């Protein structure tokens, strides 16, 4: 069965030492691996991330790591 293919950007952030500023450490392109027409959240099985769709553009997902 065809995959959904919805896209999102995952931004992995960390806090710069001694500041309150978050910086982007990595940017990962996500693609939904569920079947086309699925219900609920999109899911990228390779990166273990889920997201909601924003109509007309890829979503942005943030994950903070220390």
C-alpha atoms as a PDB file:
ATOM      1  CA  UNK A   1       0.000   0.000   0.000  1.00  0.00           C
ATOM      2  CA  UNK A   2       1.314   3.531  -0.755  1.00  0.00           C
ATOM      3  CA  UNK A   3       2.785   5.555   2.104  1.00  0.00           C
ATOM      4  CA  UNK A   4       1.265   8.856   3.258  1.00  0.00           C
ATOM      5  CA  UNK A   5       4.477  10.817   2.600  1.00  0.00           C
ATOM      6  CA  UNK A   6       3.502  13.873   4.681  1.00  0.00           C
ATOM      7  CA  UNK A   7       6.644  15.817   5.595  1.00  0.00           C
ATOM      8  CA  UNK A   8       7.929  17.654   8.661  1.00  0.00           C
ATOM      9  CA  UNK A   9      11.190  19.157   9.905  1.00  0.00           C
ATOM     10  CA  UNK A  10      12.605  17.943  13.231  1.00  0.00           C
ATOM     11  CA  UNK A  11      14.821  20.504  14.963  1.00  0.00           C
ATOM     12  CA  UNK A  12      16.942  19.079  17.775  1.00  0.00           C
ATOM     13  CA  UNK A  13      17.971  21.874  20.119  1.00  0.00           C
ATOM     14  CA  UNK A  14      20.291  22.256  23.083  1.00  0.00           C
ATOM     15  CA  UNK A  15      20.935  25.045  25.540  1.00  0.00           C
ATOM     16  CA  UNK A  16      24.194  26.923  25.097  1.00  0.00           C
ATOM     17  CA  UNK A  17      26.223  26.499  28.293  1.00  0.00           C
ATOM     18  CA  UNK A  18      25.811  29.401  30.715  1.00  0.00           C
ATOM     19  CA  UNK A  19      22.889  30.972  28.795  1.00  0.00           C
ATOM     20  CA  UNK A  20      19.138  30.662  28.390  1.00  0.00           C
ATOM     21  CA  UNK A  21      19.542  30.426  24.602  1.00  0.00           C
ATOM     22  CA  UNK A  22      18.576  27.315  22.666  1.00  0.00           C
ATOM     23  CA  UNK A  23      20.531  26.542  19.518  1.00  0.00           C
ATOM     24  CA  UNK A  24      19.722  24.082  16.749  1.00  0.00           C
ATOM     25  CA  UNK A  25      22.040  21.098  16.928  1.00  0.00           C
ATOM     26  CA  UNK A  26      20.543  19.028  14.086  1.00  0.00           C
ATOM     27  CA  UNK A  27      17.819  19.295  11.465  1.00  0.00           C
ATOM     28  CA  UNK A  28      16.180  16.066  10.300  1.00  0.00           C
ATOM     29  CA  UNK A  29      13.686  15.702   7.456  1.00  0.00           C
ATOM     30  CA  UNK A  30      10.740  13.528   8.528  1.00  0.00           C
ATOM     31  CA  UNK A  31       8.398  11.636   6.182  1.00  0.00           C
ATOM     32  CA  UNK A  32       5.267   9.789   7.289  1.00  0.00           C
ATOM     33  CA  UNK A  33       5.669   6.050   6.759  1.00  0.00           C
ATOM     34  CA  UNK A  34       2.030   5.152   7.533  1.00  0.00           C
ATOM     35  CA  UNK A  35      -0.324   4.085   4.767  1.00  0.00           C
ATOM     36  CA  UNK A  36      -1.993   6.739   2.641  1.00  0.00           C
ATOM     37  CA  UNK A  37      -5.314   7.934   4.114  1.00  0.00           C
ATOM     38  CA  UNK A  38      -4.491   6.952   7.732  1.00  0.00           C
ATOM     39  CA  UNK A  39      -6.247   8.626  10.664  1.00  0.00           C
ATOM     40  CA  UNK A  40      -4.525  10.514  13.483  1.00  0.00           C
ATOM     41  CA  UNK A  41      -0.967  11.750  13.795  1.00  0.00           C
ATOM     42  CA  UNK A  42       1.669  11.274  11.111  1.00  0.00           C
ATOM     43  CA  UNK A  43       4.581   9.026  12.096  1.00  0.00           C
ATOM     44  CA  UNK A  44       8.155   8.593  10.842  1.00  0.00           C
ATOM     45  CA  UNK A  45       9.071   5.069  11.955  1.00  0.00           C
ATOM     46  CA  UNK A  46      12.775   5.540  11.149  1.00  0.00           C
ATOM     47  CA  UNK A  47      13.137   8.523  13.518  1.00  0.00           C
ATOM     48  CA  UNK A  48      10.387   7.546  16.015  1.00  0.00           C
ATOM     49  CA  UNK A  49       8.622  10.930  15.742  1.00  0.00           C
ATOM     50  CA  UNK A  50       4.935  11.886  15.429  1.00  0.00           C
ATOM     51  CA  UNK A  51       3.365  15.172  14.317  1.00  0.00           C
ATOM     52  CA  UNK A  52       0.156  16.875  13.237  1.00  0.00           C
ATOM     53  CA  UNK A  53      -0.301  18.286   9.757  1.00  0.00           C
ATOM     54  CA  UNK A  54      -0.320  22.007   9.081  1.00  0.00           C
ATOM     55  CA  UNK A  55      -2.182  22.422   5.818  1.00  0.00           C
ATOM     56  CA  UNK A  56      -0.084  23.616   2.900  1.00  0.00           C
ATOM     57  CA  UNK A  57       3.413  23.370   4.415  1.00  0.00           C
ATOM     58  CA  UNK A  58       5.633  20.946   6.301  1.00  0.00           C
ATOM     59  CA  UNK A  59       5.224  20.958  10.101  1.00  0.00           C
ATOM     60  CA  UNK A  60       8.088  21.756  12.467  1.00  0.00           C
ATOM     61  CA  UNK A  61       8.746  19.407  15.384  1.00  0.00           C
ATOM     62  CA  UNK A  62      11.069  20.489  18.215  1.00  0.00           C
ATOM     63  CA  UNK A  63      13.027  18.117  20.463  1.00  0.00           C
ATOM     64  CA  UNK A  64      15.272  19.499  23.192  1.00  0.00           C
ATOM     65  CA  UNK A  65      18.341  17.536  24.316  1.00  0.00           C
ATOM     66  CA  UNK A  66      20.857  18.409  27.008  1.00  0.00           C
END
